[in-house]
Amino acid sequence: MMQRFFVFVRADPGKTHDLGLALAQSGIEHIRDISSISGKWDLLLRVEIDNRRDISEDVIAKLFKLPHIRKTKTIVAYKVYDPADYTLDDDFG
């Protein structure tokens, strides 16, 4: 079964764009998308990995081999609420 994680990434000052490109080209297979965000963190990664795997070995350790990463914070996501699963027709059917 796949488990979803979100990894917040803080880049070195002025290096968010460079880091985003490096991540996109890194080939880290479990990263599904990379978003530039505002606030305390610079990038947000959506990671999906088999729940029998270790995210710290398969993803986080690989991240820190890239230049310009200062810090990460990982959170686990449990249930996904997909708006496509809930339609107006369901309410009146």
Protein backbone atom coordinates (compact mmCIF):
# COMPACT_ATOMS: atom_id res chain seq x y z
CA MET A 1 0.00 0.00 0.00
CA MET A 2 1.25 3.47 -0.84
CA GLN A 3 1.70 6.08 1.87
CA ARG A 4 1.66 9.80 1.13
CA PHE A 5 4.00 12.30 2.75
CA PHE A 6 4.55 16.01 2.36
CA VAL A 7 8.09 17.28 2.78
CA PHE A 8 8.65 20.97 3.45
CA VAL A 9 12.06 22.16 2.27
CA ARG A 10 13.98 25.29 3.21
CA ALA A 11 16.59 26.35 0.65
CA ASP A 12 19.70 28.43 1.07
CA PRO A 13 18.83 32.13 0.61
CA GLY A 14 18.29 32.97 -3.04
CA LYS A 15 18.56 29.33 -4.15
CA THR A 16 14.93 28.18 -4.22
CA HIS A 17 14.75 28.16 -8.01
CA ASP A 18 18.06 26.32 -8.38
CA LEU A 19 17.00 23.76 -5.79
CA GLY A 20 13.59 23.27 -7.41
CA LEU A 21 15.27 22.53 -10.74
CA ALA A 22 17.77 20.18 -9.10
CA LEU A 23 14.94 18.30 -7.41
CA ALA A 24 13.00 18.04 -10.66
CA GLN A 25 16.07 16.59 -12.37
CA SER A 26 17.19 14.42 -9.44
CA GLY A 27 15.39 11.26 -10.45
CA ILE A 28 14.25 10.57 -6.89
CA GLU A 29 11.50 8.20 -7.89
CA HIS A 30 9.04 8.74 -5.04
CA ILE A 31 8.67 12.51 -5.49
CA ARG A 32 5.35 13.05 -7.28
CA ASP A 33 5.41 16.85 -7.50
CA ILE A 34 7.32 19.90 -6.33
CA SER A 35 5.67 23.22 -5.49
CA SER A 36 7.28 26.55 -4.73
CA ILE A 37 5.53 28.00 -1.67
CA SER A 38 5.68 31.16 0.41
CA GLY A 39 6.31 31.58 4.10
CA LYS A 40 8.73 29.79 6.40
CA TRP A 41 9.39 27.05 3.82
CA ASP A 42 10.42 27.41 0.17
CA LEU A 43 9.32 24.16 -1.49
CA LEU A 44 6.71 21.50 -0.82
CA LEU A 45 7.22 17.97 -2.10
CA ARG A 46 4.47 15.39 -2.40
CA VAL A 47 5.97 11.98 -1.89
CA GLU A 48 4.26 8.62 -2.36
CA ILE A 49 6.14 5.54 -1.22
CA ASP A 50 5.28 1.95 -0.40
CA ASN A 51 4.51 1.85 3.32
CA ARG A 52 7.01 -0.99 3.75
CA ARG A 53 9.82 1.34 2.65
CA ASP A 54 11.68 3.85 4.81
CA ILE A 55 11.14 7.43 3.63
CA SER A 56 14.23 8.61 5.49
CA GLU A 57 16.45 6.23 3.48
CA ASP A 58 14.66 6.32 0.14
CA VAL A 59 13.91 10.03 -0.07
CA ILE A 60 15.23 12.27 2.72
CA ALA A 61 18.82 10.99 2.63
CA LYS A 62 18.84 11.56 -1.15
CA LEU A 63 17.53 15.09 -0.71
CA PHE A 64 20.45 16.07 1.48
CA LYS A 65 22.89 15.01 -1.24
CA LEU A 66 21.57 17.93 -3.32
CA PRO A 67 23.04 21.41 -2.92
CA HIS A 68 21.20 24.27 -1.21
CA ILE A 69 18.96 22.31 1.20
CA ARG A 70 19.06 23.84 4.67
CA LYS A 71 16.27 21.99 6.44
CA THR A 72 13.31 19.67 5.87
CA LYS A 73 10.15 18.79 7.76
CA THR A 74 8.15 15.71 6.87
CA ILE A 75 4.49 15.07 7.66
CA VAL A 76 2.46 11.99 6.89
CA ALA A 77 -0.93 12.24 5.18
CA TYR A 78 -3.59 9.66 5.93
CA LYS A 79 -6.93 9.95 4.19
CA VAL A 80 -7.33 11.72 0.86
CA TYR A 81 -10.62 13.51 0.28
CA ASP A 82 -11.09 13.74 -3.46
CA PRO A 83 -13.80 16.18 -4.60
CA ALA A 84 -14.41 13.91 -7.59
CA ASP A 85 -15.77 11.33 -5.15
CA TYR A 86 -18.56 13.68 -4.06
CA THR A 87 -20.86 15.07 -6.70
CA LEU A 88 -24.12 16.97 -6.61
CA ASP A 89 -25.85 13.96 -8.18
CA ASP A 90 -24.98 11.88 -5.10
CA ASP A 91 -27.00 14.27 -2.94
CA PHE A 92 -30.12 13.99 -5.07
CA GLY A 93 -29.84 10.42 -6.41
